[in-house]
PDB file of N, CA and C in Angstrom:
ATOM      1  N   UNK A   1      57.030  -7.778  17.557  1.00  0.00           N
ATOM      2  CA  UNK A   1      55.617  -7.564  17.815  1.00  0.00           C
ATOM      3  C   UNK A   1      55.159  -8.575  18.839  1.00  0.00           C
ATOM      4  N   UNK A   2      54.281  -8.121  19.667  1.00  0.00           N
ATOM      5  CA  UNK A   2      53.738  -9.051  20.645  1.00  0.00           C
ATOM      6  C   UNK A   2      52.646  -9.892  19.995  1.00  0.00           C
ATOM      7  N   UNK A   3      52.233 -10.897  20.699  1.00  0.00           N
ATOM      8  CA  UNK A   3      51.223 -11.805  20.169  1.00  0.00           C
ATOM      9  C   UNK A   3      49.883 -11.100  20.001  1.00  0.00           C
ATOM     10  N   UNK A   4      49.522 -10.255  20.955  1.00  0.00           N
ATOM     11  CA  UNK A   4      48.237  -9.539  20.855  1.00  0.00           C
ATOM     12  C   UNK A   4      48.229  -8.572  19.681  1.00  0.00           C
ATOM     13  N   UNK A   5      49.334  -7.872  19.472  1.00  0.00           N
ATOM     14  CA  UNK A   5      49.404  -6.933  18.353  1.00  0.00           C
ATOM     15  C   UNK A   5      49.337  -7.684  17.033  1.00  0.00           C
ATOM     16  N   UNK A   6      50.038  -8.841  16.973  1.00  0.00           N
ATOM     17  CA  UNK A   6      50.029  -9.633  15.752  1.00  0.00           C
ATOM     18  C   UNK A   6      48.607 -10.135  15.452  1.00  0.00           C
ATOM     19  N   UNK A   7      47.884 -10.550  16.486  1.00  0.00           N
ATOM     20  CA  UNK A   7      46.512 -11.015  16.299  1.00  0.00           C
ATOM     21  C   UNK A   7      45.610  -9.895  15.787  1.00  0.00           C
ATOM     22  N   UNK A   8      45.809  -8.702  16.312  1.00  0.00           N
ATOM     23  CA  UNK A   8      45.001  -7.569  15.852  1.00  0.00           C
ATOM     24  C   UNK A   8      45.272  -7.260  14.388  1.00  0.00           C
ATOM     25  N   UNK A   9      46.550  -7.291  14.010  1.00  0.00           N
ATOM     26  CA  UNK A   9      46.890  -7.003  12.618  1.00  0.00           C
ATOM     27  C   UNK A   9      46.347  -8.098  11.713  1.00  0.00           C
ATOM     28  N   UNK A  10      46.493  -9.353  12.114  1.00  0.00           N
ATOM     29  CA  UNK A  10      46.001 -10.450  11.292  1.00  0.00           C
ATOM     30  C   UNK A  10      44.476 -10.440  11.216  1.00  0.00           C
ATOM     31  N   UNK A  11      43.787 -10.152  12.331  1.00  0.00           N
ATOM     32  CA  UNK A  11      42.327 -10.096  12.318  1.00  0.00           C
ATOM     33  C   UNK A  11      41.834  -8.946  11.468  1.00  0.00           C
ATOM     34  N   UNK A  12      42.565  -7.849  11.446  1.00  0.00           N
ATOM     35  CA  UNK A  12      42.161  -6.694  10.645  1.00  0.00           C
ATOM     36  C   UNK A  12      42.283  -6.955   9.167  1.00  0.00           C
ATOM     37  N   UNK A  13      43.152  -7.863   8.776  1.00  0.00           N
ATOM     38  CA  UNK A  13      43.339  -8.168   7.359  1.00  0.00           C
ATOM     39  C   UNK A  13      42.339  -9.186   6.844  1.00  0.00           C
ATOM     40  N   UNK A  14      41.654  -9.859   7.713  1.00  0.00           N
ATOM     41  CA  UNK A  14      40.692 -10.863   7.288  1.00  0.00           C
ATOM     42  C   UNK A  14      39.417 -10.190   6.776  1.00  0.00           C
ATOM     43  N   UNK A  15      38.883 -10.730   5.714  1.00  0.00           N
ATOM     44  CA  UNK A  15      37.620 -10.215   5.184  1.00  0.00           C
ATOM     45  C   UNK A  15      36.485 -10.921   5.904  1.00  0.00           C
ATOM     46  N   UNK A  16      35.456 -10.185   6.269  1.00  0.00           N
ATOM     47  CA  UNK A  16      34.331 -10.848   6.922  1.00  0.00           C
ATOM     48  C   UNK A  16      33.600 -11.730   5.921  1.00  0.00           C
ATOM     49  N   UNK A  17      33.017 -12.781   6.428  1.00  0.00           N
ATOM     50  CA  UNK A  17      32.275 -13.670   5.539  1.00  0.00           C
ATOM     51  C   UNK A  17      31.039 -12.935   5.025  1.00  0.00           C
ATOM     52  N   UNK A  18      30.723 -13.174   3.785  1.00  0.00           N
ATOM     53  CA  UNK A  18      29.616 -12.439   3.163  1.00  0.00           C
ATOM     54  C   UNK A  18      28.502 -13.375   2.735  1.00  0.00           C
ATOM     55  N   UNK A  19      28.306 -14.457   3.460  1.00  0.00           N
ATOM     56  CA  UNK A  19      27.197 -15.338   3.155  1.00  0.00           C
ATOM     57  C   UNK A  19      25.878 -14.644   3.423  1.00  0.00           C
ATOM     58  N   UNK A  20      24.845 -15.099   2.792  1.00  0.00           N
ATOM     59  CA  UNK A  20      23.551 -14.442   2.921  1.00  0.00           C
ATOM     60  C   UNK A  20      23.016 -14.498   4.348  1.00  0.00           C
ATOM     61  N   UNK A  21      23.289 -15.610   5.035  1.00  0.00           N
ATOM     62  CA  UNK A  21      22.831 -15.699   6.425  1.00  0.00           C
ATOM     63  C   UNK A  21      23.615 -14.755   7.323  1.00  0.00           C
ATOM     64  N   UNK A  22      24.901 -14.615   7.057  1.00  0.00           N
ATOM     65  CA  UNK A  22      25.714 -13.702   7.851  1.00  0.00           C
ATOM     66  C   UNK A  22      25.271 -12.263   7.620  1.00  0.00           C
ATOM     67  N   UNK A  23      25.020 -11.917   6.386  1.00  0.00           N
ATOM     68  CA  UNK A  23      24.563 -10.562   6.071  1.00  0.00           C
ATOM     69  C   UNK A  23      23.210 -10.308   6.723  1.00  0.00           C
ATOM     70  N   UNK A  24      22.309 -11.263   6.634  1.00  0.00           N
ATOM     71  CA  UNK A  24      20.987 -11.108   7.242  1.00  0.00           C
ATOM     72  C   UNK A  24      21.104 -10.989   8.757  1.00  0.00           C
ATOM     73  N   UNK A  25      21.966 -11.803   9.354  1.00  0.00           N
ATOM     74  CA  UNK A  25      22.148 -11.738  10.807  1.00  0.00           C
ATOM     75  C   UNK A  25      22.708 -10.383  11.210  1.00  0.00           C
ATOM     76  N   UNK A  26      23.698  -9.898  10.485  1.00  0.00           N
ATOM     77  CA  UNK A  26      24.284  -8.592  10.810  1.00  0.00           C
ATOM     78  C   UNK A  26      23.255  -7.477  10.660  1.00  0.00           C
ATOM     79  N   UNK A  27      22.436  -7.561   9.628  1.00  0.00           N
ATOM     80  CA  UNK A  27      21.421  -6.527   9.409  1.00  0.00           C
ATOM     81  C   UNK A  27      20.382  -6.539  10.526  1.00  0.00           C
ATOM     82  N   UNK A  28      19.908  -7.724  10.890  1.00  0.00           N
ATOM     83  CA  UNK A  28      18.892  -7.838  11.938  1.00  0.00           C
ATOM     84  C   UNK A  28      19.463  -7.424  13.287  1.00  0.00           C
ATOM     85  N   UNK A  29      20.684  -7.842  13.583  1.00  0.00           N
ATOM     86  CA  UNK A  29      21.273  -7.470  14.881  1.00  0.00           C
ATOM     87  C   UNK A  29      21.513  -5.974  14.951  1.00  0.00           C
ATOM     88  N   UNK A  30      21.911  -5.351  13.834  1.00  0.00           N
ATOM     89  CA  UNK A  30      22.082  -3.901  13.817  1.00  0.00           C
ATOM     90  C   UNK A  30      20.750  -3.199  14.002  1.00  0.00           C
ATOM     91  N   UNK A  31      19.714  -3.729  13.391  1.00  0.00           N
ATOM     92  CA  UNK A  31      18.387  -3.119  13.537  1.00  0.00           C
ATOM     93  C   UNK A  31      17.907  -3.197  14.980  1.00  0.00           C
ATOM     94  N   UNK A  32      18.144  -4.336  15.637  1.00  0.00           N
ATOM     95  CA  UNK A  32      17.703  -4.476  17.019  1.00  0.00           C
ATOM     96  C   UNK A  32      18.528  -3.642  17.983  1.00  0.00           C
ATOM     97  N   UNK A  33      19.781  -3.381  17.673  1.00  0.00           N
ATOM     98  CA  UNK A  33      20.582  -2.538  18.565  1.00  0.00           C
ATOM     99  C   UNK A  33      20.248  -1.070  18.372  1.00  0.00           C
ATOM    100  N   UNK A  34      19.838  -0.680  17.177  1.00  0.00           N
ATOM    101  CA  UNK A  34      19.494   0.722  16.933  1.00  0.00           C
ATOM    102  C   UNK A  34      18.059   1.059  17.316  1.00  0.00           C
ATOM    103  N   UNK A  35      17.190   0.074  17.341  1.00  0.00           N
ATOM    104  CA  UNK A  35      15.777   0.329  17.585  1.00  0.00           C
ATOM    105  C   UNK A  35      15.508   0.988  18.932  1.00  0.00           C
ATOM    106  N   UNK A  36      16.052   0.516  20.036  1.00  0.00           N
ATOM    107  CA  UNK A  36      15.766   1.200  21.301  1.00  0.00           C
ATOM    108  C   UNK A  36      16.287   2.625  21.324  1.00  0.00           C
ATOM    109  N   UNK A  37      17.412   2.862  20.688  1.00  0.00           N
ATOM    110  CA  UNK A  37      18.002   4.202  20.735  1.00  0.00           C
ATOM    111  C   UNK A  37      17.228   5.183  19.872  1.00  0.00           C
ATOM    112  N   UNK A  38      16.790   4.737  18.706  1.00  0.00           N
ATOM    113  CA  UNK A  38      16.146   5.648  17.764  1.00  0.00           C
ATOM    114  C   UNK A  38      14.654   5.386  17.586  1.00  0.00           C
ATOM    115  N   UNK A  39      14.107   4.486  18.361  1.00  0.00           N
ATOM    116  CA  UNK A  39      12.710   4.116  18.203  1.00  0.00           C
ATOM    117  C   UNK A  39      11.755   5.278  18.405  1.00  0.00           C
ATOM    118  N   UNK A  40      11.993   6.078  19.442  1.00  0.00           N
ATOM    119  CA  UNK A  40      11.100   7.194  19.721  1.00  0.00           C
ATOM    120  C   UNK A  40      11.161   8.242  18.616  1.00  0.00           C
ATOM    121  N   UNK A  41      12.355   8.512  18.138  1.00  0.00           N
ATOM    122  CA  UNK A  41      12.510   9.503  17.063  1.00  0.00           C
ATOM    123  C   UNK A  41      11.841   8.997  15.788  1.00  0.00           C
ATOM    124  N   UNK A  42      12.059   7.726  15.462  1.00  0.00           N
ATOM    125  CA  UNK A  42      11.428   7.162  14.274  1.00  0.00           C
ATOM    126  C   UNK A  42       9.908   7.160  14.401  1.00  0.00           C
ATOM    127  N   UNK A  43       9.413   6.867  15.601  1.00  0.00           N
ATOM    128  CA  UNK A  43       7.970   6.888  15.843  1.00  0.00           C
ATOM    129  C   UNK A  43       7.405   8.289  15.629  1.00  0.00           C
ATOM    130  N   UNK A  44       8.109   9.314  16.115  1.00  0.00           N
ATOM    131  CA  UNK A  44       7.628  10.685  15.948  1.00  0.00           C
ATOM    132  C   UNK A  44       7.605  11.086  14.473  1.00  0.00           C
ATOM    133  N   UNK A  45       8.655  10.735  13.732  1.00  0.00           N
ATOM    134  CA  UNK A  45       8.673  11.046  12.308  1.00  0.00           C
ATOM    135  C   UNK A  45       7.583  10.292  11.560  1.00  0.00           C
ATOM    136  N   UNK A  46       7.358   9.048  11.935  1.00  0.00           N
ATOM    137  CA  UNK A  46       6.312   8.261  11.278  1.00  0.00           C
ATOM    138  C   UNK A  46       4.937   8.857  11.547  1.00  0.00           C
ATOM    139  N   UNK A  47       4.717   9.348  12.760  1.00  0.00           N
ATOM    140  CA  UNK A  47       3.437   9.995  13.064  1.00  0.00           C
ATOM    141  C   UNK A  47       3.250  11.254  12.239  1.00  0.00           C
ATOM    142  N   UNK A  48       4.306  12.056  12.112  1.00  0.00           N
ATOM    143  CA  UNK A  48       4.202  13.283  11.323  1.00  0.00           C
ATOM    144  C   UNK A  48       3.920  12.981   9.853  1.00  0.00           C
ATOM    145  N   UNK A  49       4.625  12.018   9.316  1.00  0.00           N
ATOM    146  CA  UNK A  49       4.416  11.656   7.910  1.00  0.00           C
ATOM    147  C   UNK A  49       3.021  11.068   7.720  1.00  0.00           C
ATOM    148  N   UNK A  50       2.588  10.226   8.646  1.00  0.00           N
ATOM    149  CA  UNK A  50       1.242   9.657   8.563  1.00  0.00           C
ATOM    150  C   UNK A  50       0.168  10.731   8.626  1.00  0.00           C
ATOM    151  N   UNK A  51       0.329  11.682   9.539  1.00  0.00           N
ATOM    152  CA  UNK A  51      -0.638  12.778   9.656  1.00  0.00           C
ATOM    153  C   UNK A  51      -0.694  13.573   8.354  1.00  0.00           C
ATOM    154  N   UNK A  52       0.458  13.855   7.773  1.00  0.00           N
ATOM    155  CA  UNK A  52       0.506  14.607   6.524  1.00  0.00           C
ATOM    156  C   UNK A  52      -0.208  13.857   5.406  1.00  0.00           C
ATOM    157  N   UNK A  53       0.060  12.564   5.280  1.00  0.00           N
ATOM    158  CA  UNK A  53      -0.547  11.767   4.210  1.00  0.00           C
ATOM    159  C   UNK A  53      -2.060  11.681   4.389  1.00  0.00           C
ATOM    160  N   UNK A  54      -2.518  11.425   5.604  1.00  0.00           N
ATOM    161  CA  UNK A  54      -3.958  11.266   5.850  1.00  0.00           C
ATOM    162  C   UNK A  54      -4.704  12.579   5.631  1.00  0.00           C
ATOM    163  N   UNK A  55      -4.203  13.668   6.177  1.00  0.00           N
ATOM    164  CA  UNK A  55      -4.921  14.941   6.017  1.00  0.00           C
ATOM    165  C   UNK A  55      -4.885  15.423   4.573  1.00  0.00           C
ATOM    166  N   UNK A  56      -3.767  15.243   3.897  1.00  0.00           N
ATOM    167  CA  UNK A  56      -3.702  15.641   2.489  1.00  0.00           C
ATOM    168  C   UNK A  56      -4.659  14.804   1.653  1.00  0.00           C
ATOM    169  N   UNK A  57      -4.713  13.520   1.939  1.00  0.00           N
ATOM    170  CA  UNK A  57      -5.642  12.657   1.218  1.00  0.00           C
ATOM    171  C   UNK A  57      -7.082  13.055   1.452  1.00  0.00           C
ATOM    172  N   UNK A  58      -7.413  13.396   2.680  1.00  0.00           N
ATOM    173  CA  UNK A  58      -8.792  13.797   2.976  1.00  0.00           C
ATOM    174  C   UNK A  58      -9.136  15.109   2.290  1.00  0.00           C
ATOM    175  N   UNK A  59      -8.199  16.039   2.297  1.00  0.00           N
ATOM    176  CA  UNK A  59      -8.469  17.350   1.712  1.00  0.00           C
ATOM    177  C   UNK A  59      -8.594  17.264   0.191  1.00  0.00           C
ATOM    178  N   UNK A  60      -7.822  16.382  -0.430  1.00  0.00           N
ATOM    179  CA  UNK A  60      -7.846  16.333  -1.893  1.00  0.00           C
ATOM    180  C   UNK A  60      -8.766  15.251  -2.450  1.00  0.00           C
ATOM    181  N   UNK A  61      -8.820  14.092  -1.831  1.00  0.00           N
ATOM    182  CA  UNK A  61      -9.566  12.991  -2.419  1.00  0.00           C
ATOM    183  C   UNK A  61     -11.049  12.985  -2.063  1.00  0.00           C
ATOM    184  N   UNK A  62     -11.399  13.351  -0.853  1.00  0.00           N
ATOM    185  CA  UNK A  62     -12.818  13.307  -0.468  1.00  0.00           C
ATOM    186  C   UNK A  62     -13.686  14.237  -1.313  1.00  0.00           C
ATOM    187  N   UNK A  63     -13.291  15.488  -1.546  1.00  0.00           N
ATOM    188  CA  UNK A  63     -14.121  16.317  -2.429  1.00  0.00           C
ATOM    189  C   UNK A  63     -14.241  15.747  -3.846  1.00  0.00           C
ATOM    190  N   UNK A  64     -13.175  15.115  -4.318  1.00  0.00           N
ATOM    191  CA  UNK A  64     -13.233  14.497  -5.636  1.00  0.00           C
ATOM    192  C   UNK A  64     -14.233  13.346  -5.660  1.00  0.00           C
ATOM    193  N   UNK A  65     -14.236  12.536  -4.625  1.00  0.00           N
ATOM    194  CA  UNK A  65     -15.190  11.421  -4.542  1.00  0.00           C
ATOM    195  C   UNK A  65     -16.618  11.950  -4.479  1.00  0.00           C
ATOM    196  N   UNK A  66     -16.841  12.984  -3.668  1.00  0.00           N
ATOM    197  CA  UNK A  66     -18.189  13.564  -3.565  1.00  0.00           C
ATOM    198  C   UNK A  66     -18.639  14.123  -4.908  1.00  0.00           C
ATOM    199  N   UNK A  67     -17.741  14.786  -5.635  1.00  0.00           N
ATOM    200  CA  UNK A  67     -18.097  15.378  -6.924  1.00  0.00           C
ATOM    201  C   UNK A  67     -18.424  14.301  -7.943  1.00  0.00           C
ATOM    202  N   UNK A  68     -17.673  13.227  -7.970  1.00  0.00           N
ATOM    203  CA  UNK A  68     -17.938  12.148  -8.917  1.00  0.00           C
ATOM    204  C   UNK A  68     -19.287  11.506  -8.620  1.00  0.00           C
ATOM    205  N   UNK A  69     -19.590  11.288  -7.355  1.00  0.00           N
ATOM    206  CA  UNK A  69     -20.892  10.712  -6.991  1.00  0.00           C
ATOM    207  C   UNK A  69     -22.042  11.646  -7.350  1.00  0.00           C
ATOM    208  N   UNK A  70     -21.858  12.946  -7.108  1.00  0.00           N
ATOM    209  CA  UNK A  70     -22.899  13.919  -7.434  1.00  0.00           C
ATOM    210  C   UNK A  70     -23.116  13.961  -8.942  1.00  0.00           C
ATOM    211  N   UNK A  71     -22.016  13.922  -9.705  1.00  0.00           N
ATOM    212  CA  UNK A  71     -22.114  13.946 -11.163  1.00  0.00           C
ATOM    213  C   UNK A  71     -22.840  12.706 -11.677  1.00  0.00           C
ATOM    214  N   UNK A  72     -22.581  11.553 -11.077  1.00  0.00           N
ATOM    215  CA  UNK A  72     -23.258  10.321 -11.486  1.00  0.00           C
ATOM    216  C   UNK A  72     -24.751  10.405 -11.183  1.00  0.00           C
ATOM    217  N   UNK A  73     -25.111  10.981 -10.039  1.00  0.00           N
ATOM    218  CA  UNK A  73     -26.524  11.119  -9.690  1.00  0.00           C
ATOM    219  C   UNK A  73     -27.232  12.076 -10.652  1.00  0.00           C
ATOM    220  N   UNK A  74     -26.572  13.168 -11.004  1.00  0.00           N
ATOM    221  CA  UNK A  74     -27.166  14.128 -11.948  1.00  0.00           C
ATOM    222  C   UNK A  74     -27.333  13.483 -13.318  1.00  0.00           C
ATOM    223  N   UNK A  75     -26.331  12.730 -13.742  1.00  0.00           N
ATOM    224  CA  UNK A  75     -26.421  12.071 -15.043  1.00  0.00           C
ATOM    225  C   UNK A  75     -27.544  11.037 -15.060  1.00  0.00           C
ATOM    226  N   UNK A  76     -27.714  10.316 -13.986  1.00  0.00           N
ATOM    227  CA  UNK A  76     -28.808   9.330 -13.906  1.00  0.00           C
ATOM    228  C   UNK A  76     -30.168  10.029 -13.946  1.00  0.00           C
ATOM    229  N   UNK A  77     -30.279  11.153 -13.240  1.00  0.00           N
ATOM    230  CA  UNK A  77     -31.540  11.908 -13.258  1.00  0.00           C
ATOM    231  C   UNK A  77     -31.815  12.451 -14.652  1.00  0.00           C
ATOM    232  N   UNK A  78     -30.783  12.909 -15.353  1.00  0.00           N
ATOM    233  CA  UNK A  78     -30.972  13.436 -16.701  1.00  0.00           C
ATOM    234  C   UNK A  78     -31.388  12.333 -17.668  1.00  0.00           C
ATOM    235  N   UNK A  79     -30.817  11.151 -17.522  1.00  0.00           N
ATOM    236  CA  UNK A  79     -31.186  10.025 -18.388  1.00  0.00           C
ATOM    237  C   UNK A  79     -32.647   9.654 -18.164  1.00  0.00           C
ATOM    238  N   UNK A  80     -33.103   9.645 -16.916  1.00  0.00           N
ATOM    239  CA  UNK A  80     -34.506   9.310 -16.664  1.00  0.00           C
ATOM    240  C   UNK A  80     -35.441  10.392 -17.214  1.00  0.00           C
ATOM    241  N   UNK A  81     -35.023  11.663 -17.154  1.00  0.00           N
ATOM    242  CA  UNK A  81     -35.847  12.735 -17.734  1.00  0.00           C
ATOM    243  C   UNK A  81     -35.908  12.618 -19.251  1.00  0.00           C
ATOM    244  N   UNK A  82     -34.797  12.219 -19.881  1.00  0.00           N
ATOM    245  CA  UNK A  82     -34.783  12.036 -21.327  1.00  0.00           C
ATOM    246  C   UNK A  82     -35.707  10.891 -21.716  1.00  0.00           C
ATOM    247  N   UNK A  83     -35.626   9.777 -20.981  1.00  0.00           N
ATOM    248  CA  UNK A  83     -36.494   8.638 -21.273  1.00  0.00           C
ATOM    249  C   UNK A  83     -37.964   9.017 -21.118  1.00  0.00           C
ATOM    250  N   UNK A  84     -38.276   9.793 -20.088  1.00  0.00           N
ATOM    251  CA  UNK A  84     -39.655  10.224 -19.879  1.00  0.00           C
ATOM    252  C   UNK A  84     -40.108  11.141 -21.012  1.00  0.00           C
ATOM    253  N   UNK A  85     -39.222  12.053 -21.446  1.00  0.00           N
ATOM    254  CA  UNK A  85     -39.570  12.947 -22.554  1.00  0.00           C
ATOM    255  C   UNK A  85     -39.777  12.192 -23.856  1.00  0.00           C
ATOM    256  N   UNK A  86     -38.963  11.193 -24.105  1.00  0.00           N
ATOM    257  CA  UNK A  86     -39.130  10.394 -25.326  1.00  0.00           C
ATOM    258  C   UNK A  86     -40.421   9.591 -25.288  1.00  0.00           C
ATOM    259  N   UNK A  87     -40.813   9.119 -24.086  1.00  0.00           N
ATOM    260  CA  UNK A  87     -42.085   8.405 -23.963  1.00  0.00           C
ATOM    261  C   UNK A  87     -43.261   9.338 -24.204  1.00  0.00           C
ATOM    262  N   UNK A  88     -43.107  10.607 -23.866  1.00  0.00           N
ATOM    263  CA  UNK A  88     -44.172  11.586 -24.087  1.00  0.00           C
ATOM    264  C   UNK A  88     -44.244  12.034 -25.534  1.00  0.00           C
ATOM    265  N   UNK A  89     -43.244  11.636 -26.343  1.00  0.00           N
ATOM    266  CA  UNK A  89     -43.296  11.961 -27.767  1.00  0.00           C
ATOM    267  C   UNK A  89     -42.453  13.151 -28.163  1.00  0.00           C
ATOM    268  N   UNK A  90     -41.620  13.637 -27.313  1.00  0.00           N
ATOM    269  CA  UNK A  90     -40.755  14.767 -27.666  1.00  0.00           C
ATOM    270  C   UNK A  90     -39.554  14.245 -28.452  1.00  0.00           C
ATOM    271  N   UNK A  91     -39.041  15.085 -29.334  1.00  0.00           N
ATOM    272  CA  UNK A  91     -37.871  14.707 -30.125  1.00  0.00           C
ATOM    273  C   UNK A  91     -36.605  14.988 -29.321  1.00  0.00           C
ATOM    274  N   UNK A  92     -35.510  14.326 -29.668  1.00  0.00           N
ATOM    275  CA  UNK A  92     -34.255  14.600 -28.960  1.00  0.00           C
ATOM    276  C   UNK A  92     -33.805  16.059 -29.075  1.00  0.00           C
ATOM    277  N   UNK A  93     -34.111  16.717 -30.225  1.00  0.00           N
ATOM    278  CA  UNK A  93     -33.735  18.124 -30.372  1.00  0.00           C
ATOM    279  C   UNK A  93     -34.521  19.003 -29.406  1.00  0.00           C
ATOM    280  N   UNK A  94     -35.803  18.702 -29.181  1.00  0.00           N
ATOM    281  CA  UNK A  94     -36.604  19.467 -28.207  1.00  0.00           C
ATOM    282  C   UNK A  94     -36.053  19.265 -26.794  1.00  0.00           C
ATOM    283  N   UNK A  95     -35.669  18.042 -26.471  1.00  0.00           N
ATOM    284  CA  UNK A  95     -35.099  17.775 -25.152  1.00  0.00           C
ATOM    285  C   UNK A  95     -33.765  18.498 -24.980  1.00  0.00           C
ATOM    286  N   UNK A  96     -33.010  18.574 -26.070  1.00  0.00           N
ATOM    287  CA  UNK A  96     -31.737  19.284 -26.011  1.00  0.00           C
ATOM    288  C   UNK A  96     -31.965  20.780 -25.789  1.00  0.00           C
ATOM    289  N   UNK A  97     -32.970  21.329 -26.414  1.00  0.00           N
ATOM    290  CA  UNK A  97     -33.286  22.741 -26.229  1.00  0.00           C
ATOM    291  C   UNK A  97     -33.790  23.018 -24.815  1.00  0.00           C
ATOM    292  N   UNK A  98     -34.355  22.002 -24.161  1.00  0.00           N
ATOM    293  CA  UNK A  98     -34.819  22.158 -22.780  1.00  0.00           C
ATOM    294  C   UNK A  98     -33.650  22.112 -21.790  1.00  0.00           C
ATOM    295  N   UNK A  99     -32.443  21.800 -22.272  1.00  0.00           N
ATOM    296  CA  UNK A  99     -31.279  21.770 -21.388  1.00  0.00           C
ATOM    297  C   UNK A  99     -30.776  20.384 -21.077  1.00  0.00           C
ATOM    298  N   UNK A 100     -31.391  19.379 -21.624  1.00  0.00           N
ATOM    299  CA  UNK A 100     -30.925  18.011 -21.410  1.00  0.00           C
ATOM    300  C   UNK A 100     -29.892  17.698 -22.495  1.00  0.00           C
ATOM    301  N   UNK A 101     -28.642  17.947 -22.180  1.00  0.00           N
ATOM    302  CA  UNK A 101     -27.591  17.895 -23.197  1.00  0.00           C
ATOM    303  C   UNK A 101     -27.293  16.481 -23.674  1.00  0.00           C
ATOM    304  N   UNK A 102     -27.580  15.479 -22.897  1.00  0.00           N
ATOM    305  CA  UNK A 102     -27.295  14.102 -23.299  1.00  0.00           C
ATOM    306  C   UNK A 102     -28.352  13.548 -24.243  1.00  0.00           C
ATOM    307  N   UNK A 103     -29.378  14.338 -24.572  1.00  0.00           N
ATOM    308  CA  UNK A 103     -30.445  13.855 -25.443  1.00  0.00           C
ATOM    309  C   UNK A 103     -29.957  13.708 -26.875  1.00  0.00           C
ATOM    310  N   UNK A 104     -29.039  14.554 -27.298  1.00  0.00           N
ATOM    311  CA  UNK A 104     -28.504  14.495 -28.658  1.00  0.00           C
ATOM    312  C   UNK A 104     -27.032  14.119 -28.552  1.00  0.00           C
ATOM    313  N   UNK A 105     -26.692  13.021 -29.214  1.00  0.00           N
ATOM    314  CA  UNK A 105     -25.316  12.563 -29.183  1.00  0.00           C
ATOM    315  C   UNK A 105     -24.451  13.484 -30.058  1.00  0.00           C
ATOM    316  N   UNK A 106     -23.208  13.689 -29.696  1.00  0.00           N
ATOM    317  CA  UNK A 106     -22.350  14.564 -30.514  1.00  0.00           C
ATOM    318  C   UNK A 106     -22.053  13.926 -31.861  1.00  0.00           C
ATOM    319  N   UNK A 107     -21.907  14.762 -32.868  1.00  0.00           N
ATOM    320  CA  UNK A 107     -21.609  14.290 -34.215  1.00  0.00           C
ATOM    321  C   UNK A 107     -20.096  14.314 -34.395  1.00  0.00           C
ATOM    322  N   UNK A 108     -19.501  13.175 -34.263  1.00  0.00           N
ATOM    323  CA  UNK A 108     -18.044  13.101 -34.319  1.00  0.00           C
ATOM    324  C   UNK A 108     -17.558  12.937 -35.755  1.00  0.00           C
ATOM    325  N   UNK A 109     -18.248  12.164 -36.554  1.00  0.00           N
ATOM    326  CA  UNK A 109     -17.783  11.861 -37.894  1.00  0.00           C
ATOM    327  C   UNK A 109     -18.199  12.896 -38.925  1.00  0.00           C
ATOM    328  N   UNK A 110     -19.100  13.807 -38.626  1.00  0.00           N
ATOM    329  CA  UNK A 110     -19.554  14.801 -39.601  1.00  0.00           C
ATOM    330  C   UNK A 110     -18.730  16.055 -39.542  1.00  0.00           C
TER     331      UNK A 110
END
């Protein structure tokens, strides 16, 4: 065997060092060598995924937020109407018959 062939065989049998700094260096250097080649493709996929997440969130979450706020406003208005009715001397059962459902608490234990 020639010296070059022997060196190749001996180098091939050596295990690479697996220290944490060596692993980190190899990972970072691989990332930097792949980034220019695949950067545009990764950017396009990231834009597509971002667009999907943002539009889906807007379509599903915004109506939910609006509904919760509207429900809170209606509940606050109903509470003020109940308080006004009680100040006028109406009973909670009369307020319940008028459509103010929060005037009478549910009977859970009976």
